[in-house]
Amino acid sequence: MVGLVIGKGGENILRIQLQLSVIVTIAKESEMLPGDTTRQILLRGASGAVAEAKKRIEDIINNQLMKNSGHSSGYSHLH
């Protein structure tokens, strides 16, 4: 999902950062613990902007999960 969150050429992350004045940092694969299947996303900025950035990223993930599964249930593992 990381590629989807980042977007082609980084467009999704850049848009979120520019529109909301937040800094988005995604952990590199090399920073993952053995056996980990998720990567941390760190959001920094004003609390309202961070909340909106989190929602937008969750929406990207949820939309893809719904497409993959054909179900309408959502998923959120962003902290």
Protein backbone atom coordinates (compact mmCIF):
# COMPACT_ATOMS: atom_id res chain seq x y z
CA MET A 1 0.00 0.00 0.00
CA VAL A 2 2.97 2.33 0.48
CA GLY A 3 3.27 2.99 -3.24
CA LEU A 4 -0.42 3.80 -3.41
CA VAL A 5 -0.19 6.18 -0.45
CA ILE A 6 2.85 7.93 -1.92
CA GLY A 7 1.31 8.08 -5.40
CA LYS A 8 2.91 8.27 -8.83
CA GLY A 9 6.00 10.43 -8.53
CA GLY A 10 5.05 11.20 -4.92
CA GLU A 11 1.98 13.15 -6.02
CA ASN A 12 -0.36 12.00 -3.21
CA ILE A 13 2.08 12.78 -0.41
CA LEU A 14 3.15 16.07 -2.00
CA ARG A 15 -0.47 17.16 -2.38
CA ILE A 16 -1.22 16.36 1.26
CA GLN A 17 1.91 18.16 2.45
CA LEU A 18 1.29 21.28 0.36
CA GLN A 19 -2.46 21.56 0.95
CA LEU A 20 -2.30 20.93 4.69
CA SER A 21 1.18 22.26 5.60
CA VAL A 22 2.16 18.97 7.22
CA ILE A 23 5.32 16.93 6.96
CA VAL A 24 4.77 13.28 6.03
CA THR A 25 7.55 10.78 6.71
CA ILE A 26 7.18 7.12 5.75
CA ALA A 27 9.54 4.60 7.33
CA LYS A 28 11.91 2.89 4.91
CA GLU A 29 11.73 -0.87 4.44
CA SER A 30 15.18 -1.11 6.03
CA GLU A 31 13.73 0.43 9.22
CA MET A 32 11.11 -2.29 9.61
CA LEU A 33 11.52 -4.96 12.24
CA PRO A 34 11.88 -8.57 11.05
CA GLY A 35 8.42 -9.98 10.36
CA ASP A 36 6.78 -6.55 10.17
CA THR A 37 4.30 -6.11 7.34
CA THR A 38 3.42 -2.46 7.95
CA ARG A 39 5.44 0.73 7.75
CA GLN A 40 5.01 3.69 10.07
CA ILE A 41 3.83 7.02 8.72
CA LEU A 42 4.76 10.05 10.81
CA LEU A 43 2.67 13.19 10.41
CA ARG A 44 3.93 16.50 11.79
CA GLY A 45 2.11 19.81 11.80
CA ALA A 46 -0.85 21.58 13.39
CA SER A 47 -3.22 19.11 15.08
CA GLY A 48 -6.15 19.83 12.76
CA ALA A 49 -3.97 19.49 9.68
CA VAL A 50 -2.46 16.25 10.98
CA ALA A 51 -5.95 14.86 11.62
CA GLU A 52 -7.01 15.72 8.07
CA ALA A 53 -3.81 14.23 6.61
CA LYS A 54 -4.42 11.03 8.58
CA LYS A 55 -7.99 10.88 7.27
CA ARG A 56 -6.84 11.35 3.66
CA ILE A 57 -4.21 8.62 3.97
CA GLU A 58 -6.72 6.28 5.63
CA ASP A 59 -9.18 7.02 2.80
CA ILE A 60 -6.56 6.03 0.20
CA ILE A 61 -5.90 2.76 2.04
CA ASN A 62 -9.58 2.00 2.70
CA ASN A 63 -10.55 2.65 -0.93
CA GLN A 64 -7.89 0.23 -2.15
CA LEU A 65 -8.84 -2.42 0.42
CA MET A 66 -12.47 -2.16 -0.66
CA LYS A 67 -11.44 -2.58 -4.31
CA ASN A 68 -9.29 -5.59 -3.43
CA SER A 69 -11.87 -7.32 -1.26
CA GLY A 70 -15.12 -6.18 -2.79
CA HIS A 71 -16.38 -5.39 0.73
CA SER A 72 -17.47 -2.09 2.17
CA SER A 73 -15.68 -2.53 5.51
CA GLY A 74 -12.87 -0.10 6.26
CA TYR A 75 -9.43 -0.58 7.74
CA SER A 76 -7.35 1.82 9.76
CA HIS A 77 -3.92 1.04 11.15
CA LEU A 78 -2.46 4.53 11.05
CA HIS A 79 -1.24 5.90 14.40
